[in-house]
PDB file of N, CA and C in Angstrom:
ATOM      1  N   MET A   1     -40.399 -71.896   2.793  1.00  0.00           N
ATOM      2  CA  MET A   1     -41.017 -72.606   3.895  1.00  0.00           C
ATOM      3  C   MET A   1     -40.969 -74.106   3.623  1.00  0.00           C
ATOM      4  N   ASN A   2     -40.757 -74.838   4.681  1.00  0.00           N
ATOM      5  CA  ASN A   2     -40.728 -76.284   4.512  1.00  0.00           C
ATOM      6  C   ASN A   2     -42.018 -76.909   5.054  1.00  0.00           C
ATOM      7  N   GLU A   3     -42.109 -78.205   4.917  1.00  0.00           N
ATOM      8  CA  GLU A   3     -43.333 -78.929   5.277  1.00  0.00           C
ATOM      9  C   GLU A   3     -43.660 -78.798   6.766  1.00  0.00           C
ATOM     10  N   LYS A   4     -42.637 -78.725   7.592  1.00  0.00           N
ATOM     11  CA  LYS A   4     -42.848 -78.595   9.035  1.00  0.00           C
ATOM     12  C   LYS A   4     -43.578 -77.290   9.372  1.00  0.00           C
ATOM     13  N   HIS A   5     -43.183 -76.190   8.726  1.00  0.00           N
ATOM     14  CA  HIS A   5     -43.825 -74.903   8.972  1.00  0.00           C
ATOM     15  C   HIS A   5     -45.259 -74.872   8.440  1.00  0.00           C
ATOM     16  N   ILE A   6     -45.483 -75.487   7.309  1.00  0.00           N
ATOM     17  CA  ILE A   6     -46.828 -75.520   6.728  1.00  0.00           C
ATOM     18  C   ILE A   6     -47.760 -76.351   7.607  1.00  0.00           C
ATOM     19  N   THR A   7     -47.274 -77.467   8.124  1.00  0.00           N
ATOM     20  CA  THR A   7     -48.082 -78.292   9.027  1.00  0.00           C
ATOM     21  C   THR A   7     -48.403 -77.525  10.305  1.00  0.00           C
ATOM     22  N   LEU A   8     -47.445 -76.774  10.828  1.00  0.00           N
ATOM     23  CA  LEU A   8     -47.690 -75.944  12.002  1.00  0.00           C
ATOM     24  C   LEU A   8     -48.744 -74.880  11.702  1.00  0.00           C
ATOM     25  N   CYS A   9     -48.655 -74.278  10.541  1.00  0.00           N
ATOM     26  CA  CYS A   9     -49.638 -73.278  10.117  1.00  0.00           C
ATOM     27  C   CYS A   9     -51.035 -73.892  10.053  1.00  0.00           C
ATOM     28  N   ASN A  10     -51.144 -75.070   9.478  1.00  0.00           N
ATOM     29  CA  ASN A  10     -52.433 -75.764   9.407  1.00  0.00           C
ATOM     30  C   ASN A  10     -52.964 -76.092  10.797  1.00  0.00           C
ATOM     31  N   LYS A  11     -52.098 -76.566  11.674  1.00  0.00           N
ATOM     32  CA  LYS A  11     -52.524 -76.904  13.031  1.00  0.00           C
ATOM     33  C   LYS A  11     -53.021 -75.671  13.770  1.00  0.00           C
ATOM     34  N   LEU A  12     -52.348 -74.544  13.579  1.00  0.00           N
ATOM     35  CA  LEU A  12     -52.790 -73.309  14.223  1.00  0.00           C
ATOM     36  C   LEU A  12     -54.183 -72.910  13.761  1.00  0.00           C
ATOM     37  N   VAL A  13     -54.443 -73.028  12.471  1.00  0.00           N
ATOM     38  CA  VAL A  13     -55.764 -72.661  11.959  1.00  0.00           C
ATOM     39  C   VAL A  13     -56.830 -73.614  12.476  1.00  0.00           C
ATOM     40  N   TYR A  14     -56.590 -74.901  12.372  1.00  0.00           N
ATOM     41  CA  TYR A  14     -57.611 -75.888  12.735  1.00  0.00           C
ATOM     42  C   TYR A  14     -57.805 -76.035  14.236  1.00  0.00           C
ATOM     43  N   TYR A  15     -56.721 -75.974  15.003  1.00  0.00           N
ATOM     44  CA  TYR A  15     -56.817 -76.273  16.426  1.00  0.00           C
ATOM     45  C   TYR A  15     -56.775 -75.048  17.329  1.00  0.00           C
ATOM     46  N   PHE A  16     -56.515 -73.852  16.789  1.00  0.00           N
ATOM     47  CA  PHE A  16     -56.505 -72.644  17.615  1.00  0.00           C
ATOM     48  C   PHE A  16     -57.450 -71.573  17.086  1.00  0.00           C
ATOM     49  N   VAL A  17     -57.277 -71.167  15.838  1.00  0.00           N
ATOM     50  CA  VAL A  17     -58.072 -70.062  15.297  1.00  0.00           C
ATOM     51  C   VAL A  17     -59.549 -70.437  15.183  1.00  0.00           C
ATOM     52  N   ALA A  18     -59.840 -71.601  14.627  1.00  0.00           N
ATOM     53  CA  ALA A  18     -61.246 -72.001  14.449  1.00  0.00           C
ATOM     54  C   ALA A  18     -61.992 -72.128  15.778  1.00  0.00           C
ATOM     55  N   PRO A  19     -61.434 -72.804  16.797  1.00  0.00           N
ATOM     56  CA  PRO A  19     -62.151 -72.848  18.076  1.00  0.00           C
ATOM     57  C   PRO A  19     -62.288 -71.478  18.742  1.00  0.00           C
ATOM     58  N   CYS A  20     -61.258 -70.633  18.611  1.00  0.00           N
ATOM     59  CA  CYS A  20     -61.344 -69.284  19.183  1.00  0.00           C
ATOM     60  C   CYS A  20     -62.433 -68.467  18.501  1.00  0.00           C
ATOM     61  N   LEU A  21     -62.547 -68.598  17.197  1.00  0.00           N
ATOM     62  CA  LEU A  21     -63.595 -67.884  16.471  1.00  0.00           C
ATOM     63  C   LEU A  21     -64.972 -68.383  16.890  1.00  0.00           C
ATOM     64  N   LEU A  22     -65.123 -69.675  17.041  1.00  0.00           N
ATOM     65  CA  LEU A  22     -66.389 -70.240  17.497  1.00  0.00           C
ATOM     66  C   LEU A  22     -66.709 -69.764  18.914  1.00  0.00           C
ATOM     67  N   LEU A  23     -65.720 -69.751  19.793  1.00  0.00           N
ATOM     68  CA  LEU A  23     -65.913 -69.254  21.153  1.00  0.00           C
ATOM     69  C   LEU A  23     -66.279 -67.770  21.148  1.00  0.00           C
ATOM     70  N   TYR A  24     -65.684 -67.006  20.249  1.00  0.00           N
ATOM     71  CA  TYR A  24     -66.001 -65.584  20.111  1.00  0.00           C
ATOM     72  C   TYR A  24     -67.470 -65.403  19.736  1.00  0.00           C
ATOM     73  N   PHE A  25     -67.961 -66.167  18.774  1.00  0.00           N
ATOM     74  CA  PHE A  25     -69.363 -66.055  18.373  1.00  0.00           C
ATOM     75  C   PHE A  25     -70.307 -66.507  19.485  1.00  0.00           C
ATOM     76  N   ILE A  26     -69.950 -67.554  20.199  1.00  0.00           N
ATOM     77  CA  ILE A  26     -70.778 -68.010  21.319  1.00  0.00           C
ATOM     78  C   ILE A  26     -70.811 -66.946  22.415  1.00  0.00           C
ATOM     79  N   SER A  27     -69.680 -66.301  22.673  1.00  0.00           N
ATOM     80  CA  SER A  27     -69.629 -65.236  23.678  1.00  0.00           C
ATOM     81  C   SER A  27     -70.488 -64.046  23.274  1.00  0.00           C
ATOM     82  N   ILE A  28     -70.510 -63.732  22.000  1.00  0.00           N
ATOM     83  CA  ILE A  28     -71.365 -62.646  21.513  1.00  0.00           C
ATOM     84  C   ILE A  28     -72.827 -63.024  21.688  1.00  0.00           C
ATOM     85  N   ASP A  29     -73.189 -64.250  21.328  1.00  0.00           N
ATOM     86  CA  ASP A  29     -74.581 -64.691  21.446  1.00  0.00           C
ATOM     87  C   ASP A  29     -75.059 -64.720  22.888  1.00  0.00           C
ATOM     88  N   SER A  30     -74.177 -65.075  23.800  1.00  0.00           N
ATOM     89  CA  SER A  30     -74.582 -65.147  25.200  1.00  0.00           C
ATOM     90  C   SER A  30     -74.523 -63.790  25.894  1.00  0.00           C
ATOM     91  N   GLY A  31     -74.041 -62.765  25.209  1.00  0.00           N
ATOM     92  CA  GLY A  31     -74.026 -61.415  25.755  1.00  0.00           C
ATOM     93  C   GLY A  31     -72.825 -61.100  26.623  1.00  0.00           C
ATOM     94  N   ILE A  32     -71.837 -61.953  26.624  1.00  0.00           N
ATOM     95  CA  ILE A  32     -70.641 -61.714  27.438  1.00  0.00           C
ATOM     96  C   ILE A  32     -69.828 -60.563  26.857  1.00  0.00           C
ATOM     97  N   ILE A  33     -69.688 -60.537  25.544  1.00  0.00           N
ATOM     98  CA  ILE A  33     -68.948 -59.472  24.864  1.00  0.00           C
ATOM     99  C   ILE A  33     -69.789 -58.939  23.715  1.00  0.00           C
ATOM    100  N   THR A  34     -69.370 -57.807  23.170  1.00  0.00           N
ATOM    101  CA  THR A  34     -70.054 -57.246  22.005  1.00  0.00           C
ATOM    102  C   THR A  34     -69.196 -57.466  20.768  1.00  0.00           C
ATOM    103  N   CYS A  35     -69.848 -57.450  19.646  1.00  0.00           N
ATOM    104  CA  CYS A  35     -69.159 -57.682  18.376  1.00  0.00           C
ATOM    105  C   CYS A  35     -68.251 -56.501  18.049  1.00  0.00           C
ATOM    106  N   SER A  36     -67.076 -56.786  17.561  1.00  0.00           N
ATOM    107  CA  SER A  36     -66.117 -55.756  17.196  1.00  0.00           C
ATOM    108  C   SER A  36     -65.572 -56.060  15.805  1.00  0.00           C
ATOM    109  N   PHE A  37     -65.589 -55.047  14.947  1.00  0.00           N
ATOM    110  CA  PHE A  37     -65.086 -55.238  13.593  1.00  0.00           C
ATOM    111  C   PHE A  37     -63.591 -55.543  13.599  1.00  0.00           C
ATOM    112  N   SER A  38     -62.847 -54.911  14.503  1.00  0.00           N
ATOM    113  CA  SER A  38     -61.396 -55.134  14.523  1.00  0.00           C
ATOM    114  C   SER A  38     -61.056 -56.581  14.894  1.00  0.00           C
ATOM    115  N   VAL A  39     -61.806 -57.173  15.820  1.00  0.00           N
ATOM    116  CA  VAL A  39     -61.561 -58.574  16.183  1.00  0.00           C
ATOM    117  C   VAL A  39     -61.899 -59.482  15.005  1.00  0.00           C
ATOM    118  N   LEU A  40     -63.014 -59.197  14.343  1.00  0.00           N
ATOM    119  CA  LEU A  40     -63.377 -59.988  13.164  1.00  0.00           C
ATOM    120  C   LEU A  40     -62.341 -59.836  12.055  1.00  0.00           C
ATOM    121  N   ALA A  41     -61.779 -58.635  11.910  1.00  0.00           N
ATOM    122  CA  ALA A  41     -60.747 -58.413  10.895  1.00  0.00           C
ATOM    123  C   ALA A  41     -59.488 -59.224  11.215  1.00  0.00           C
ATOM    124  N   VAL A  42     -59.119 -59.297  12.488  1.00  0.00           N
ATOM    125  CA  VAL A  42     -57.950 -60.089  12.893  1.00  0.00           C
ATOM    126  C   VAL A  42     -58.194 -61.568  12.608  1.00  0.00           C
ATOM    127  N   PHE A  43     -59.394 -62.066  12.963  1.00  0.00           N
ATOM    128  CA  PHE A  43     -59.721 -63.463  12.661  1.00  0.00           C
ATOM    129  C   PHE A  43     -59.716 -63.706  11.150  1.00  0.00           C
ATOM    130  N   GLY A  44     -60.274 -62.766  10.395  1.00  0.00           N
ATOM    131  CA  GLY A  44     -60.300 -62.907   8.941  1.00  0.00           C
ATOM    132  C   GLY A  44     -58.905 -62.967   8.354  1.00  0.00           C
ATOM    133  N   LEU A  45     -58.031 -62.101   8.829  1.00  0.00           N
ATOM    134  CA  LEU A  45     -56.642 -62.098   8.355  1.00  0.00           C
ATOM    135  C   LEU A  45     -55.932 -63.397   8.731  1.00  0.00           C
ATOM    136  N   ALA A  46     -56.155 -63.869   9.960  1.00  0.00           N
ATOM    137  CA  ALA A  46     -55.534 -65.127  10.395  1.00  0.00           C
ATOM    138  C   ALA A  46     -56.009 -66.291   9.542  1.00  0.00           C
ATOM    139  N   ILE A  47     -57.294 -66.307   9.213  1.00  0.00           N
ATOM    140  CA  ILE A  47     -57.827 -67.388   8.385  1.00  0.00           C
ATOM    141  C   ILE A  47     -57.291 -67.292   6.963  1.00  0.00           C
ATOM    142  N   LEU A  48     -57.260 -66.080   6.401  1.00  0.00           N
ATOM    143  CA  LEU A  48     -56.732 -65.919   5.040  1.00  0.00           C
ATOM    144  C   LEU A  48     -55.276 -66.363   4.951  1.00  0.00           C
ATOM    145  N   LEU A  49     -54.465 -65.946   5.910  1.00  0.00           N
ATOM    146  CA  LEU A  49     -53.059 -66.359   5.900  1.00  0.00           C
ATOM    147  C   LEU A  49     -52.922 -67.846   6.190  1.00  0.00           C
ATOM    148  N   GLY A  50     -53.715 -68.334   7.142  1.00  0.00           N
ATOM    149  CA  GLY A  50     -53.633 -69.737   7.520  1.00  0.00           C
ATOM    150  C   GLY A  50     -54.097 -70.691   6.446  1.00  0.00           C
ATOM    151  N   VAL A  51     -54.931 -70.220   5.546  1.00  0.00           N
ATOM    152  CA  VAL A  51     -55.391 -71.059   4.439  1.00  0.00           C
ATOM    153  C   VAL A  51     -54.587 -70.769   3.173  1.00  0.00           C
ATOM    154  N   GLY A  52     -54.238 -69.515   2.961  1.00  0.00           N
ATOM    155  CA  GLY A  52     -53.536 -69.120   1.740  1.00  0.00           C
ATOM    156  C   GLY A  52     -52.125 -69.661   1.634  1.00  0.00           C
ATOM    157  N   ILE A  53     -51.369 -69.575   2.716  1.00  0.00           N
ATOM    158  CA  ILE A  53     -49.981 -70.046   2.691  1.00  0.00           C
ATOM    159  C   ILE A  53     -49.901 -71.545   2.399  1.00  0.00           C
ATOM    160  N   PRO A  54     -50.674 -72.394   3.114  1.00  0.00           N
ATOM    161  CA  PRO A  54     -50.637 -73.827   2.768  1.00  0.00           C
ATOM    162  C   PRO A  54     -51.167 -74.123   1.367  1.00  0.00           C
ATOM    163  N   ALA A  55     -52.123 -73.324   0.888  1.00  0.00           N
ATOM    164  CA  ALA A  55     -52.646 -73.550  -0.462  1.00  0.00           C
ATOM    165  C   ALA A  55     -51.565 -73.300  -1.511  1.00  0.00           C
ATOM    166  N   ILE A  56     -50.788 -72.252  -1.319  1.00  0.00           N
ATOM    167  CA  ILE A  56     -49.686 -71.964  -2.247  1.00  0.00           C
ATOM    168  C   ILE A  56     -48.636 -73.068  -2.165  1.00  0.00           C
ATOM    169  N   TYR A  57     -48.326 -73.512  -0.947  1.00  0.00           N
ATOM    170  CA  TYR A  57     -47.354 -74.598  -0.774  1.00  0.00           C
ATOM    171  C   TYR A  57     -47.856 -75.877  -1.434  1.00  0.00           C
ATOM    172  N   LYS A  58     -49.143 -76.177  -1.258  1.00  0.00           N
ATOM    173  CA  LYS A  58     -49.732 -77.394  -1.845  1.00  0.00           C
ATOM    174  C   LYS A  58     -49.685 -77.329  -3.371  1.00  0.00           C
ATOM    175  N   LYS A  59     -49.853 -76.135  -3.925  1.00  0.00           N
ATOM    176  CA  LYS A  59     -49.800 -75.984  -5.382  1.00  0.00           C
ATOM    177  C   LYS A  59     -48.403 -76.314  -5.906  1.00  0.00           C
ATOM    178  N   ARG A  60     -47.384 -75.933  -5.150  1.00  0.00           N
ATOM    179  CA  ARG A  60     -46.001 -76.200  -5.566  1.00  0.00           C
ATOM    180  C   ARG A  60     -45.556 -77.624  -5.234  1.00  0.00           C
ATOM    181  N   ASN A  61     -46.151 -78.218  -4.202  1.00  0.00           N
ATOM    182  CA  ASN A  61     -45.805 -79.580  -3.768  1.00  0.00           C
ATOM    183  C   ASN A  61     -47.080 -80.405  -3.681  1.00  0.00           C
ATOM    184  N   PRO A  62     -47.530 -80.967  -4.791  1.00  0.00           N
ATOM    185  CA  PRO A  62     -48.827 -81.658  -4.806  1.00  0.00           C
ATOM    186  C   PRO A  62     -48.908 -82.897  -3.915  1.00  0.00           C
ATOM    187  N   ASP A  63     -47.777 -83.478  -3.512  1.00  0.00           N
ATOM    188  CA  ASP A  63     -47.859 -84.673  -2.672  1.00  0.00           C
ATOM    189  C   ASP A  63     -48.025 -84.339  -1.188  1.00  0.00           C
ATOM    190  N   TYR A  64     -48.018 -83.040  -0.806  1.00  0.00           N
ATOM    191  CA  TYR A  64     -48.208 -82.662   0.598  1.00  0.00           C
ATOM    192  C   TYR A  64     -49.655 -82.926   1.004  1.00  0.00           C
ATOM    193  N   LYS A  65     -49.833 -83.531   2.177  1.00  0.00           N
ATOM    194  CA  LYS A  65     -51.175 -83.820   2.665  1.00  0.00           C
ATOM    195  C   LYS A  65     -51.224 -83.536   4.159  1.00  0.00           C
ATOM    196  N   PHE A  66     -52.277 -82.853   4.583  1.00  0.00           N
ATOM    197  CA  PHE A  66     -52.488 -82.570   6.000  1.00  0.00           C
ATOM    198  C   PHE A  66     -53.808 -83.191   6.412  1.00  0.00           C
ATOM    199  N   ASN A  67     -53.769 -84.058   7.403  1.00  0.00           N
ATOM    200  CA  ASN A  67     -54.977 -84.737   7.871  1.00  0.00           C
ATOM    201  C   ASN A  67     -55.314 -84.271   9.277  1.00  0.00           C
ATOM    202  N   ILE A  68     -56.604 -84.044   9.510  1.00  0.00           N
ATOM    203  CA  ILE A  68     -57.053 -83.742  10.862  1.00  0.00           C
ATOM    204  C   ILE A  68     -57.865 -84.921  11.370  1.00  0.00           C
ATOM    205  N   SER A  69     -58.015 -84.975  12.652  1.00  0.00           N
ATOM    206  CA  SER A  69     -58.785 -86.048  13.272  1.00  0.00           C
ATOM    207  C   SER A  69     -60.244 -85.951  12.828  1.00  0.00           C
ATOM    208  N   SER A  70     -60.814 -87.060  12.424  1.00  0.00           N
ATOM    209  CA  SER A  70     -62.211 -87.041  11.979  1.00  0.00           C
ATOM    210  C   SER A  70     -63.147 -86.741  13.144  1.00  0.00           C
ATOM    211  N   LYS A  71     -62.788 -87.170  14.360  1.00  0.00           N
ATOM    212  CA  LYS A  71     -63.611 -86.848  15.531  1.00  0.00           C
ATOM    213  C   LYS A  71     -63.614 -85.348  15.785  1.00  0.00           C
ATOM    214  N   TYR A  72     -62.445 -84.720  15.652  1.00  0.00           N
ATOM    215  CA  TYR A  72     -62.355 -83.272  15.833  1.00  0.00           C
ATOM    216  C   TYR A  72     -63.171 -82.552  14.770  1.00  0.00           C
ATOM    217  N   ALA A  73     -63.050 -82.975  13.537  1.00  0.00           N
ATOM    218  CA  ALA A  73     -63.798 -82.341  12.445  1.00  0.00           C
ATOM    219  C   ALA A  73     -65.300 -82.486  12.665  1.00  0.00           C
ATOM    220  N   ASN A  74     -65.751 -83.659  13.094  1.00  0.00           N
ATOM    221  CA  ASN A  74     -67.175 -83.866  13.353  1.00  0.00           C
ATOM    222  C   ASN A  74     -67.652 -83.028  14.534  1.00  0.00           C
ATOM    223  N   ALA A  75     -66.855 -82.952  15.589  1.00  0.00           N
ATOM    224  CA  ALA A  75     -67.231 -82.149  16.752  1.00  0.00           C
ATOM    225  C   ALA A  75     -67.340 -80.672  16.389  1.00  0.00           C
ATOM    226  N   MET A  76     -66.378 -80.170  15.625  1.00  0.00           N
ATOM    227  CA  MET A  76     -66.435 -78.762  15.208  1.00  0.00           C
ATOM    228  C   MET A  76     -67.629 -78.516  14.296  1.00  0.00           C
ATOM    229  N   ALA A  77     -67.927 -79.438  13.410  1.00  0.00           N
ATOM    230  CA  ALA A  77     -69.081 -79.280  12.519  1.00  0.00           C
ATOM    231  C   ALA A  77     -70.375 -79.223  13.322  1.00  0.00           C
ATOM    232  N   ILE A  78     -70.504 -80.085  14.321  1.00  0.00           N
ATOM    233  CA  ILE A  78     -71.709 -80.078  15.157  1.00  0.00           C
ATOM    234  C   ILE A  78     -71.821 -78.767  15.929  1.00  0.00           C
ATOM    235  N   LEU A  79     -70.707 -78.287  16.482  1.00  0.00           N
ATOM    236  CA  LEU A  79     -70.734 -77.021  17.211  1.00  0.00           C
ATOM    237  C   LEU A  79     -71.101 -75.855  16.307  1.00  0.00           C
ATOM    238  N   VAL A  80     -70.576 -75.838  15.101  1.00  0.00           N
ATOM    239  CA  VAL A  80     -70.908 -74.766  14.156  1.00  0.00           C
ATOM    240  C   VAL A  80     -72.380 -74.833  13.776  1.00  0.00           C
ATOM    241  N   ILE A  81     -72.898 -76.025  13.546  1.00  0.00           N
ATOM    242  CA  ILE A  81     -74.317 -76.169  13.199  1.00  0.00           C
ATOM    243  C   ILE A  81     -75.196 -75.715  14.363  1.00  0.00           C
ATOM    244  N   LEU A  82     -74.835 -76.075  15.595  1.00  0.00           N
ATOM    245  CA  LEU A  82     -75.596 -75.618  16.759  1.00  0.00           C
ATOM    246  C   LEU A  82     -75.560 -74.100  16.882  1.00  0.00           C
ATOM    247  N   GLU A  83     -74.411 -73.510  16.646  1.00  0.00           N
ATOM    248  CA  GLU A  83     -74.280 -72.049  16.694  1.00  0.00           C
ATOM    249  C   GLU A  83     -75.152 -71.394  15.625  1.00  0.00           C
ATOM    250  N   LEU A  84     -75.130 -71.943  14.430  1.00  0.00           N
ATOM    251  CA  LEU A  84     -75.944 -71.380  13.346  1.00  0.00           C
ATOM    252  C   LEU A  84     -77.434 -71.532  13.623  1.00  0.00           C
ATOM    253  N   THR A  85     -77.866 -72.668  14.142  1.00  0.00           N
ATOM    254  CA  THR A  85     -79.292 -72.844  14.443  1.00  0.00           C
ATOM    255  C   THR A  85     -79.722 -71.923  15.573  1.00  0.00           C
ATOM    256  N   TYR A  86     -78.850 -71.680  16.529  1.00  0.00           N
ATOM    257  CA  TYR A  86     -79.176 -70.732  17.598  1.00  0.00           C
ATOM    258  C   TYR A  86     -79.371 -69.335  17.021  1.00  0.00           C
ATOM    259  N   ASN A  87     -78.477 -68.934  16.110  1.00  0.00           N
ATOM    260  CA  ASN A  87     -78.607 -67.611  15.493  1.00  0.00           C
ATOM    261  C   ASN A  87     -79.846 -67.511  14.623  1.00  0.00           C
ATOM    262  N   MET A  88     -80.222 -68.588  13.946  1.00  0.00           N
ATOM    263  CA  MET A  88     -81.417 -68.564  13.097  1.00  0.00           C
ATOM    264  C   MET A  88     -82.689 -68.492  13.934  1.00  0.00           C
ATOM    265  N   SER A  89     -82.653 -69.059  15.131  1.00  0.00           N
ATOM    266  CA  SER A  89     -83.855 -69.082  15.964  1.00  0.00           C
ATOM    267  C   SER A  89     -84.056 -67.788  16.742  1.00  0.00           C
ATOM    268  N   LYS A  90     -83.061 -66.929  16.800  1.00  0.00           N
ATOM    269  CA  LYS A  90     -83.179 -65.655  17.524  1.00  0.00           C
ATOM    270  C   LYS A  90     -84.087 -64.693  16.819  1.00  0.00           C
TER     271      LYS A  90
END
């Protein structure tokens, strides 16, 4: 795998899988859908592959760096904290 594929893998995890997982949890909390182990297993596998593959690549190529937008990271952190506080207050 080359750097282009690893960057695509990182973008998929940060900009697709993470928001979808957050939306899934919000949908469960609001009662739109019910929790399913198979969906959680798919998300878990996507996260493991999405983090594991770049980690192995980074180990072999230490100068590789992937940066995400700090605004995006802060927005996702706030959304996750709001989701967690909602679950704690239930």
